C-alpha atoms as a PDB file:
ATOM      1  CA  MET A   1      52.225  58.213 141.435  1.00  0.00           C
ATOM      2  CA  THR A   2      52.862  61.871 140.980  1.00  0.00           C
ATOM      3  CA  VAL A   3      51.819  64.873 143.015  1.00  0.00           C
ATOM      4  CA  LEU A   4      50.915  68.355 141.930  1.00  0.00           C
ATOM      5  CA  LEU A   5      53.515  70.928 142.814  1.00  0.00           C
ATOM      6  CA  THR A   6      51.912  73.522 145.021  1.00  0.00           C
ATOM      7  CA  GLY A   7      53.075  76.847 146.326  1.00  0.00           C
ATOM      8  CA  ILE A   8      55.597  75.132 148.536  1.00  0.00           C
ATOM      9  CA  LEU A   9      57.696  74.245 145.495  1.00  0.00           C
ATOM     10  CA  SER A  10      57.944  77.834 144.303  1.00  0.00           C
ATOM     11  CA  ALA A  11      58.435  79.064 147.839  1.00  0.00           C
ATOM     12  CA  GLY A  12      60.979  76.348 148.524  1.00  0.00           C
ATOM     13  CA  LEU A  13      63.028  77.218 145.460  1.00  0.00           C
ATOM     14  CA  LEU A  14      63.018  80.886 146.389  1.00  0.00           C
ATOM     15  CA  LEU A  15      63.790  80.396 150.060  1.00  0.00           C
ATOM     16  CA  ALA A  16      66.376  77.686 149.491  1.00  0.00           C
ATOM     17  CA  GLY A  17      68.120  79.909 146.984  1.00  0.00           C
ATOM     18  CA  CYS A  18      68.169  82.782 149.446  1.00  0.00           C
ATOM     19  CA  GLY A  19      69.390  80.633 152.309  1.00  0.00           C
ATOM     20  CA  ILE A  20      66.347  81.440 154.469  1.00  0.00           C
ATOM     21  CA  SER A  21      65.088  78.683 156.746  1.00  0.00           C
ATOM     22  CA  VAL A  22      61.654  77.213 156.318  1.00  0.00           C
ATOM     23  CA  LYS A  23      60.337  76.134 159.699  1.00  0.00           C
ATOM     24  CA  THR A  24      59.560  72.427 159.906  1.00  0.00           C
ATOM     25  CA  GLY A  25      58.716  70.085 162.732  1.00  0.00           C
ATOM     26  CA  GLY A  26      62.304  69.154 163.488  1.00  0.00           C
ATOM     27  CA  GLY A  27      63.479  70.834 166.660  1.00  0.00           C
ATOM     28  CA  ASN A  28      60.174  72.371 167.791  1.00  0.00           C
ATOM     29  CA  SER A  29      59.784  73.621 171.326  1.00  0.00           C
ATOM     30  CA  SER A  30      57.449  70.796 172.411  1.00  0.00           C
ATOM     31  CA  GLY A  31      60.290  68.303 172.389  1.00  0.00           C
ATOM     32  CA  GLU A  32      58.650  66.145 169.719  1.00  0.00           C
ATOM     33  CA  SER A  33      60.891  64.382 167.270  1.00  0.00           C
ATOM     34  CA  ALA A  34      60.494  65.080 163.567  1.00  0.00           C
ATOM     35  CA  LEU A  35      58.810  61.679 163.155  1.00  0.00           C
ATOM     36  CA  GLU A  36      56.361  62.271 165.997  1.00  0.00           C
ATOM     37  CA  ARG A  37      55.446  65.692 164.642  1.00  0.00           C
ATOM     38  CA  ALA A  38      55.052  64.350 161.086  1.00  0.00           C
ATOM     39  CA  LYS A  39      52.732  61.568 162.218  1.00  0.00           C
ATOM     40  CA  LYS A  40      50.646  63.982 164.273  1.00  0.00           C
ATOM     41  CA  GLU A  41      50.376  66.677 161.600  1.00  0.00           C
ATOM     42  CA  GLY A  42      50.244  64.256 158.663  1.00  0.00           C
ATOM     43  CA  TYR A  43      52.950  65.811 156.501  1.00  0.00           C
ATOM     44  CA  VAL A  44      56.699  66.012 156.100  1.00  0.00           C
ATOM     45  CA  THR A  45      58.939  68.400 154.180  1.00  0.00           C
ATOM     46  CA  VAL A  46      61.350  66.648 151.824  1.00  0.00           C
ATOM     47  CA  GLY A  47      64.231  68.276 149.956  1.00  0.00           C
ATOM     48  CA  PHE A  48      64.904  66.912 146.467  1.00  0.00           C
ATOM     49  CA  ALA A  49      67.669  67.684 143.978  1.00  0.00           C
ATOM     50  CA  ASN A  50      66.351  68.477 140.500  1.00  0.00           C
ATOM     51  CA  GLU A  51      67.922  65.634 138.524  1.00  0.00           C
ATOM     52  CA  LYS A  52      66.444  62.937 136.320  1.00  0.00           C
ATOM     53  CA  PRO A  53      65.646  60.149 136.982  1.00  0.00           C
ATOM     54  CA  TYR A  54      65.679  60.865 140.717  1.00  0.00           C
ATOM     55  CA  ALA A  55      63.425  63.912 141.067  1.00  0.00           C
ATOM     56  CA  TYR A  56      62.087  66.288 138.453  1.00  0.00           C
ATOM     57  CA  ALA A  57      59.044  68.304 137.449  1.00  0.00           C
ATOM     58  CA  THR A  58      57.029  67.088 134.475  1.00  0.00           C
ATOM     59  CA  PRO A  59      55.784  69.560 131.833  1.00  0.00           C
ATOM     60  CA  ASP A  60      52.365  69.638 133.493  1.00  0.00           C
ATOM     61  CA  GLY A  61      53.843  70.704 136.826  1.00  0.00           C
ATOM     62  CA  LYS A  62      53.982  67.395 138.682  1.00  0.00           C
ATOM     63  CA  LEU A  63      56.916  66.112 140.692  1.00  0.00           C
ATOM     64  CA  THR A  64      58.049  62.560 140.092  1.00  0.00           C
ATOM     65  CA  GLY A  65      61.210  60.466 139.917  1.00  0.00           C
ATOM     66  CA  GLU A  66      62.731  57.451 141.612  1.00  0.00           C
ATOM     67  CA  ALA A  67      63.471  59.213 144.903  1.00  0.00           C
ATOM     68  CA  VAL A  68      60.103  60.989 144.955  1.00  0.00           C
ATOM     69  CA  GLU A  69      58.103  57.806 144.509  1.00  0.00           C
ATOM     70  CA  VAL A  70      60.156  55.716 146.953  1.00  0.00           C
ATOM     71  CA  ALA A  71      59.860  58.423 149.609  1.00  0.00           C
ATOM     72  CA  ARG A  72      56.137  58.762 148.971  1.00  0.00           C
ATOM     73  CA  ALA A  73      55.561  55.002 149.352  1.00  0.00           C
ATOM     74  CA  VAL A  74      57.631  54.724 152.536  1.00  0.00           C
ATOM     75  CA  LEU A  75      56.043  57.768 154.155  1.00  0.00           C
ATOM     76  CA  LYS A  76      52.541  56.608 153.304  1.00  0.00           C
ATOM     77  CA  ASN A  77      53.259  53.275 154.974  1.00  0.00           C
ATOM     78  CA  LEU A  78      54.409  55.235 158.028  1.00  0.00           C
ATOM     79  CA  GLY A  79      51.031  56.962 158.115  1.00  0.00           C
ATOM     80  CA  ILE A  80      52.362  60.254 156.736  1.00  0.00           C
ATOM     81  CA  ASN A  81      50.130  60.883 153.746  1.00  0.00           C
ATOM     82  CA  GLU A  82      51.307  64.318 152.656  1.00  0.00           C
ATOM     83  CA  MET A  83      54.796  64.931 151.340  1.00  0.00           C
ATOM     84  CA  ARG A  84      55.616  68.602 150.891  1.00  0.00           C
ATOM     85  CA  PRO A  85      58.408  68.698 148.300  1.00  0.00           C
ATOM     86  CA  VAL A  86      61.071  71.354 147.969  1.00  0.00           C
ATOM     87  CA  LEU A  87      63.022  71.086 144.719  1.00  0.00           C
ATOM     88  CA  THR A  88      66.441  72.684 145.194  1.00  0.00           C
ATOM     89  CA  GLU A  89      70.069  72.515 144.084  1.00  0.00           C
ATOM     90  CA  PHE A  90      71.993  69.388 145.005  1.00  0.00           C
ATOM     91  CA  GLY A  91      74.531  71.379 147.011  1.00  0.00           C
ATOM     92  CA  SER A  92      71.763  72.857 149.154  1.00  0.00           C
ATOM     93  CA  LEU A  93      70.404  69.530 150.380  1.00  0.00           C
ATOM     94  CA  ILE A  94      72.691  68.763 153.325  1.00  0.00           C
ATOM     95  CA  PRO A  95      72.930  72.394 154.530  1.00  0.00           C
ATOM     96  CA  GLY A  96      69.142  72.681 154.235  1.00  0.00           C
ATOM     97  CA  LEU A  97      68.578  69.503 156.223  1.00  0.00           C
ATOM     98  CA  LYS A  98      70.923  70.590 158.984  1.00  0.00           C
ATOM     99  CA  ALA A  99      69.270  74.031 159.054  1.00  0.00           C
ATOM    100  CA  LYS A 100      65.866  72.292 159.443  1.00  0.00           C
ATOM    101  CA  ARG A 101      64.438  73.569 156.189  1.00  0.00           C
ATOM    102  CA  PHE A 102      63.711  69.922 155.355  1.00  0.00           C
ATOM    103  CA  ASP A 103      62.954  66.850 157.459  1.00  0.00           C
ATOM    104  CA  ILE A 104      64.423  64.440 154.896  1.00  0.00           C
ATOM    105  CA  ILE A 105      66.626  64.879 151.829  1.00  0.00           C
ATOM    106  CA  THR A 106      66.996  62.544 148.893  1.00  0.00           C
ATOM    107  CA  ALA A 107      67.448  62.288 145.092  1.00  0.00           C
ATOM    108  CA  GLY A 108      70.634  61.008 143.538  1.00  0.00           C
ATOM    109  CA  MET A 109      72.714  61.247 146.724  1.00  0.00           C
ATOM    110  CA  TYR A 110      75.248  58.469 147.163  1.00  0.00           C
ATOM    111  CA  ILE A 111      76.204  57.313 150.634  1.00  0.00           C
ATOM    112  CA  THR A 112      79.825  58.268 151.324  1.00  0.00           C
ATOM    113  CA  PRO A 113      81.896  58.389 154.526  1.00  0.00           C
ATOM    114  CA  GLU A 114      82.351  62.145 154.068  1.00  0.00           C
ATOM    115  CA  ARG A 115      78.612  62.830 153.829  1.00  0.00           C
ATOM    116  CA  ALA A 116      77.926  60.430 156.692  1.00  0.00           C
ATOM    117  CA  LYS A 117      79.856  62.776 158.970  1.00  0.00           C
ATOM    118  CA  GLU A 118      77.188  65.414 158.337  1.00  0.00           C
ATOM    119  CA  VAL A 119      73.966  63.379 158.141  1.00  0.00           C
ATOM    120  CA  ASP A 120      72.634  59.914 158.890  1.00  0.00           C
ATOM    121  CA  PHE A 121      71.660  57.884 155.826  1.00  0.00           C
ATOM    122  CA  ALA A 122      68.839  55.405 155.554  1.00  0.00           C
ATOM    123  CA  ASN A 123      69.755  52.114 153.937  1.00  0.00           C
ATOM    124  CA  PRO A 124      70.207  52.364 150.147  1.00  0.00           C
ATOM    125  CA  GLU A 125      67.166  52.150 147.900  1.00  0.00           C
ATOM    126  CA  TYR A 126      69.127  51.681 144.672  1.00  0.00           C
ATOM    127  CA  SER A 127      72.614  51.156 143.359  1.00  0.00           C
ATOM    128  CA  ILE A 128      74.168  52.561 140.206  1.00  0.00           C
ATOM    129  CA  GLY A 129      76.965  50.884 138.328  1.00  0.00           C
ATOM    130  CA  GLU A 130      78.202  50.447 134.803  1.00  0.00           C
ATOM    131  CA  ALA A 131      76.336  48.384 132.223  1.00  0.00           C
ATOM    132  CA  LEU A 132      77.122  46.683 128.930  1.00  0.00           C
ATOM    133  CA  ALA A 133      75.033  46.022 125.818  1.00  0.00           C
ATOM    134  CA  VAL A 134      75.999  43.549 123.091  1.00  0.00           C
ATOM    135  CA  LYS A 135      74.531  41.831 120.076  1.00  0.00           C
ATOM    136  CA  GLN A 136      71.806  39.304 120.848  1.00  0.00           C
ATOM    137  CA  GLY A 137      73.295  36.113 122.279  1.00  0.00           C
ATOM    138  CA  ASN A 138      76.502  37.890 123.351  1.00  0.00           C
ATOM    139  CA  PRO A 139      78.636  36.202 120.621  1.00  0.00           C
ATOM    140  CA  LEU A 140      81.977  37.242 122.152  1.00  0.00           C
ATOM    141  CA  SER A 141      80.865  36.301 125.686  1.00  0.00           C
ATOM    142  CA  LEU A 142      81.615  39.718 127.157  1.00  0.00           C
ATOM    143  CA  HIS A 143      80.657  39.986 130.830  1.00  0.00           C
ATOM    144  CA  SER A 144      83.152  42.561 132.112  1.00  0.00           C
ATOM    145  CA  TYR A 145      85.615  45.209 130.987  1.00  0.00           C
ATOM    146  CA  GLN A 146      88.325  42.606 131.600  1.00  0.00           C
ATOM    147  CA  ASP A 147      86.650  40.318 129.055  1.00  0.00           C
ATOM    148  CA  ILE A 148      86.827  43.126 126.503  1.00  0.00           C
ATOM    149  CA  ALA A 149      90.483  43.736 127.335  1.00  0.00           C
ATOM    150  CA  SER A 150      91.434  40.065 126.949  1.00  0.00           C
ATOM    151  CA  ASN A 151      89.602  39.526 123.640  1.00  0.00           C
ATOM    152  CA  SER A 152      91.682  41.033 120.824  1.00  0.00           C
ATOM    153  CA  LYS A 153      88.643  41.093 118.518  1.00  0.00           C
ATOM    154  CA  ALA A 154      86.388  43.042 120.890  1.00  0.00           C
ATOM    155  CA  LYS A 155      85.701  46.718 120.251  1.00  0.00           C
ATOM    156  CA  VAL A 156      83.682  48.842 122.649  1.00  0.00           C
ATOM    157  CA  GLY A 157      81.821  52.084 122.045  1.00  0.00           C
ATOM    158  CA  VAL A 158      81.785  54.835 124.665  1.00  0.00           C
ATOM    159  CA  MET A 159      80.702  58.465 124.645  1.00  0.00           C
ATOM    160  CA  GLY A 160      83.445  61.057 124.460  1.00  0.00           C
ATOM    161  CA  GLY A 161      84.199  62.586 127.850  1.00  0.00           C
ATOM    162  CA  ALA A 162      82.364  59.861 129.778  1.00  0.00           C
ATOM    163  CA  ILE A 163      83.969  58.382 132.898  1.00  0.00           C
ATOM    164  CA  GLU A 164      83.659  54.936 131.306  1.00  0.00           C
ATOM    165  CA  LEU A 165      86.531  55.850 128.985  1.00  0.00           C
ATOM    166  CA  GLU A 166      88.860  56.068 131.980  1.00  0.00           C
ATOM    167  CA  TYR A 167      87.446  52.864 133.465  1.00  0.00           C
ATOM    168  CA  LEU A 168      88.038  50.970 130.208  1.00  0.00           C
ATOM    169  CA  LYS A 169      91.626  52.142 129.910  1.00  0.00           C
ATOM    170  CA  LYS A 170      92.377  51.279 133.544  1.00  0.00           C
ATOM    171  CA  SER A 171      90.824  47.848 132.950  1.00  0.00           C
ATOM    172  CA  GLY A 172      93.389  47.224 130.210  1.00  0.00           C
ATOM    173  CA  VAL A 173      91.338  47.888 127.087  1.00  0.00           C
ATOM    174  CA  PRO A 174      93.724  49.366 124.473  1.00  0.00           C
ATOM    175  CA  GLU A 175      92.764  52.667 122.913  1.00  0.00           C
ATOM    176  CA  ASP A 176      92.687  51.229 119.399  1.00  0.00           C
ATOM    177  CA  ARG A 177      89.741  49.049 120.438  1.00  0.00           C
ATOM    178  CA  ILE A 178      87.793  51.887 122.056  1.00  0.00           C
ATOM    179  CA  VAL A 179      85.460  53.676 119.646  1.00  0.00           C
ATOM    180  CA  ILE A 180      84.429  57.165 120.746  1.00  0.00           C
ATOM    181  CA  VAL A 181      80.832  58.140 119.913  1.00  0.00           C
ATOM    182  CA  SER A 182      79.122  61.494 120.303  1.00  0.00           C
ATOM    183  CA  ASP A 183      76.019  60.501 122.233  1.00  0.00           C
ATOM    184  CA  GLN A 184      73.822  57.625 123.402  1.00  0.00           C
ATOM    185  CA  ALA A 185      71.981  57.326 120.092  1.00  0.00           C
ATOM    186  CA  SER A 186      75.303  57.089 118.252  1.00  0.00           C
ATOM    187  CA  ALA A 187      76.415  54.343 120.635  1.00  0.00           C
ATOM    188  CA  ILE A 188      73.360  52.240 119.841  1.00  0.00           C
ATOM    189  CA  ALA A 189      73.805  52.897 116.115  1.00  0.00           C
ATOM    190  CA  ALA A 190      77.437  51.754 116.277  1.00  0.00           C
ATOM    191  CA  LEU A 191      76.416  48.512 117.961  1.00  0.00           C
ATOM    192  CA  GLN A 192      73.575  47.901 115.529  1.00  0.00           C
ATOM    193  CA  ALA A 193      75.881  48.469 112.559  1.00  0.00           C
ATOM    194  CA  GLY A 194      78.582  46.153 113.915  1.00  0.00           C
ATOM    195  CA  ARG A 195      81.210  48.896 114.252  1.00  0.00           C
ATOM    196  CA  VAL A 196      81.562  47.845 117.891  1.00  0.00           C
ATOM    197  CA  ASP A 197      80.860  44.620 119.755  1.00  0.00           C
ATOM    198  CA  ALA A 198      79.674  46.304 122.931  1.00  0.00           C
ATOM    199  CA  ILE A 199      78.678  49.692 124.319  1.00  0.00           C
ATOM    200  CA  THR A 200      78.865  50.877 127.910  1.00  0.00           C
ATOM    201  CA  MET A 201      77.304  53.543 130.120  1.00  0.00           C
ATOM    202  CA  THR A 202      75.591  53.608 133.525  1.00  0.00           C
ATOM    203  CA  GLY A 203      72.772  51.138 134.060  1.00  0.00           C
ATOM    204  CA  PRO A 204      69.730  53.447 133.968  1.00  0.00           C
ATOM    205  CA  SER A 205      71.113  55.355 130.980  1.00  0.00           C
ATOM    206  CA  LEU A 206      71.703  52.151 129.038  1.00  0.00           C
ATOM    207  CA  GLN A 207      68.295  50.788 129.953  1.00  0.00           C
ATOM    208  CA  ALA A 208      66.586  53.979 128.807  1.00  0.00           C
ATOM    209  CA  VAL A 209      68.377  54.110 125.467  1.00  0.00           C
ATOM    210  CA  MET A 210      67.721  50.435 124.771  1.00  0.00           C
ATOM    211  CA  GLU A 211      64.037  50.805 125.571  1.00  0.00           C
ATOM    212  CA  SER A 212      63.944  53.733 123.169  1.00  0.00           C
ATOM    213  CA  ALA A 213      65.721  51.739 120.430  1.00  0.00           C
ATOM    214  CA  LYS A 214      63.363  48.738 120.742  1.00  0.00           C
ATOM    215  CA  ASP A 215      65.819  46.496 118.878  1.00  0.00           C
ATOM    216  CA  SER A 216      65.555  42.759 119.575  1.00  0.00           C
ATOM    217  CA  ASN A 217      68.965  42.221 117.979  1.00  0.00           C
ATOM    218  CA  ILE A 218      70.779  43.783 120.935  1.00  0.00           C
ATOM    219  CA  GLU A 219      70.655  42.913 124.615  1.00  0.00           C
ATOM    220  CA  ARG A 220      71.902  44.115 127.969  1.00  0.00           C
ATOM    221  CA  VAL A 221      74.428  41.874 129.724  1.00  0.00           C
ATOM    222  CA  MET A 222      72.516  41.178 132.914  1.00  0.00           C
ATOM    223  CA  ASP A 223      75.358  39.316 134.642  1.00  0.00           C
ATOM    224  CA  PHE A 224      77.847  42.114 133.966  1.00  0.00           C
ATOM    225  CA  LYS A 225      80.668  42.238 136.506  1.00  0.00           C
ATOM    226  CA  GLN A 226      81.295  45.740 137.818  1.00  0.00           C
ATOM    227  CA  PRO A 227      84.786  47.135 137.256  1.00  0.00           C
ATOM    228  CA  VAL A 228      87.114  47.639 140.188  1.00  0.00           C
ATOM    229  CA  ILE A 229      89.168  50.782 139.590  1.00  0.00           C
ATOM    230  CA  ASP A 230      92.157  51.650 141.766  1.00  0.00           C
ATOM    231  CA  GLY A 231      91.064  48.966 144.191  1.00  0.00           C
ATOM    232  CA  LYS A 232      87.487  50.217 144.589  1.00  0.00           C
ATOM    233  CA  SER A 233      84.174  49.235 143.039  1.00  0.00           C
ATOM    234  CA  VAL A 234      82.662  52.003 140.938  1.00  0.00           C
ATOM    235  CA  ARG A 235      79.130  51.131 142.083  1.00  0.00           C
ATOM    236  CA  GLY A 236      77.378  53.854 144.074  1.00  0.00           C
ATOM    237  CA  TYR A 237      74.448  53.501 146.469  1.00  0.00           C
ATOM    238  CA  GLY A 238      71.776  56.165 146.863  1.00  0.00           C
ATOM    239  CA  ALA A 239      69.589  56.800 149.886  1.00  0.00           C
ATOM    240  CA  ALA A 240      67.511  59.275 151.839  1.00  0.00           C
ATOM    241  CA  ALA A 241      69.252  61.164 154.629  1.00  0.00           C
ATOM    242  CA  PHE A 242      68.182  62.476 158.020  1.00  0.00           C
ATOM    243  CA  ARG A 243      69.537  64.751 160.733  1.00  0.00           C
ATOM    244  CA  LYS A 244      71.754  63.055 163.289  1.00  0.00           C
ATOM    245  CA  GLU A 245      69.181  63.635 166.026  1.00  0.00           C
ATOM    246  CA  ASP A 246      66.377  61.976 164.034  1.00  0.00           C
ATOM    247  CA  ALA A 247      67.501  58.381 164.494  1.00  0.00           C
ATOM    248  CA  ASP A 248      63.922  57.221 165.190  1.00  0.00           C
ATOM    249  CA  PHE A 249      62.785  58.628 161.839  1.00  0.00           C
ATOM    250  CA  ARG A 250      65.657  56.957 159.977  1.00  0.00           C
ATOM    251  CA  GLU A 251      65.009  53.604 161.663  1.00  0.00           C
ATOM    252  CA  ALA A 252      61.283  53.770 160.895  1.00  0.00           C
ATOM    253  CA  PHE A 253      62.089  54.653 157.277  1.00  0.00           C
ATOM    254  CA  ASN A 254      64.485  51.689 157.093  1.00  0.00           C
ATOM    255  CA  ARG A 255      61.852  49.270 158.392  1.00  0.00           C
ATOM    256  CA  GLU A 256      59.326  50.293 155.757  1.00  0.00           C
ATOM    257  CA  LEU A 257      61.962  50.339 153.001  1.00  0.00           C
ATOM    258  CA  ALA A 258      62.942  46.777 153.939  1.00  0.00           C
ATOM    259  CA  LYS A 259      59.314  45.708 153.539  1.00  0.00           C
ATOM    260  CA  LEU A 260      59.206  47.254 150.052  1.00  0.00           C
ATOM    261  CA  LYS A 261      62.366  45.346 149.102  1.00  0.00           C
ATOM    262  CA  GLU A 262      61.090  42.032 150.439  1.00  0.00           C
ATOM    263  CA  SER A 263      57.703  42.326 148.735  1.00  0.00           C
ATOM    264  CA  GLY A 264      59.135  43.283 145.356  1.00  0.00           C
ATOM    265  CA  GLU A 265      57.334  46.617 145.469  1.00  0.00           C
ATOM    266  CA  LEU A 266      60.618  48.559 145.446  1.00  0.00           C
ATOM    267  CA  LEU A 267      61.540  47.196 142.019  1.00  0.00           C
ATOM    268  CA  LYS A 268      58.064  48.055 140.729  1.00  0.00           C
ATOM    269  CA  ILE A 269      58.599  51.651 141.873  1.00  0.00           C
ATOM    270  CA  LEU A 270      62.078  51.853 140.335  1.00  0.00           C
ATOM    271  CA  LYS A 271      61.319  50.298 136.944  1.00  0.00           C
ATOM    272  CA  PRO A 272      59.500  53.256 135.308  1.00  0.00           C
ATOM    273  CA  PHE A 273      62.664  55.329 135.829  1.00  0.00           C
ATOM    274  CA  GLY A 274      65.045  52.984 134.002  1.00  0.00           C
ATOM    275  CA  PHE A 275      66.110  50.804 136.919  1.00  0.00           C
ATOM    276  CA  THR A 276      66.266  47.002 136.718  1.00  0.00           C
ATOM    277  CA  GLU A 277      67.162  44.129 139.033  1.00  0.00           C
ATOM    278  CA  GLN A 278      70.805  45.138 138.534  1.00  0.00           C
ATOM    279  CA  GLU A 279      70.114  48.463 140.248  1.00  0.00           C
ATOM    280  CA  LEU A 280      68.619  46.945 143.409  1.00  0.00           C
ATOM    281  CA  PRO A 281      70.822  47.606 146.467  1.00  0.00           C
ATOM    282  CA  GLY A 282      70.987  44.034 147.725  1.00  0.00           C
ATOM    283  CA  ASP A 283      71.893  43.595 151.387  1.00  0.00           C
ATOM    284  CA  VAL A 284      74.328  46.507 151.541  1.00  0.00           C
ATOM    285  CA  THR A 285      73.638  48.785 154.510  1.00  0.00           C
ATOM    286  CA  ALA A 286      74.231  52.468 155.163  1.00  0.00           C
ATOM    287  CA  GLU A 287      76.460  51.518 158.084  1.00  0.00           C
ATOM    288  CA  GLN A 288      78.777  49.565 155.792  1.00  0.00           C
ATOM    289  CA  LEU A 289      78.949  52.350 153.224  1.00  0.00           C
ATOM    290  CA  SER A 290      79.516  55.065 155.827  1.00  0.00           C
ATOM    291  CA  LYS A 291      82.782  53.581 157.045  1.00  0.00           C
ATOM    292  CA  PRO A 292      85.980  55.227 155.729  1.00  0.00           C
END
């Protein structure tokens, strides 16, 4: 499910860094849309941010990641068999798309009303929220940050400097029941040793560290209720994005993405990168998430 990085990657990094446009099919003089051109020529240029687990180069020079593999599957089903990747900085994605250096951008980009003013998002392919791990059997019945706050015996481990620390405090967990750890491995160790009753971090991060620990005495709380902070859910939804004028491309992408969701293939693509059923996007649409 990976693809060798060719000269376009090196060229893309150089050109993207210099702010020089790479000519793609979008906006050509024939009047073809980007989708029509891609189907005719058999390739599309996709801008990716270099961030695990969304898009990254492996030591042997291959590009993979959640966003890479989802895009590859969708495009293949559209009859576009070649994806020409450009790995660039996150902040260069939207400007590069609008400047027609890329036909699509993706990789770790949440749908927000502010970004939706600049680009049109496909429907989300994943969602990222907080997650909780506990001892096997969940002896204190902890299913939310509120449960931790209301149980005077419950202690929770969180990495120093992590946003979860703020979320816990705003959810009413007192500081004397929050145990600060230095890293993910230390969090798992604290739970294993009984110094805390739960640990928290984002879903894919927790899944990855638990798979690494391979400890049957701890489990992820799969019915965890996401915290609502300052009146808003902390869950984010990531998706591919298109130029405003490429509505036909976005709609075609959405149709194929919906088929992957319905067949269960989307979850199969996501799983190797630390995603579980909890990270599926559900029925949430880009239109809903793009509203202020």
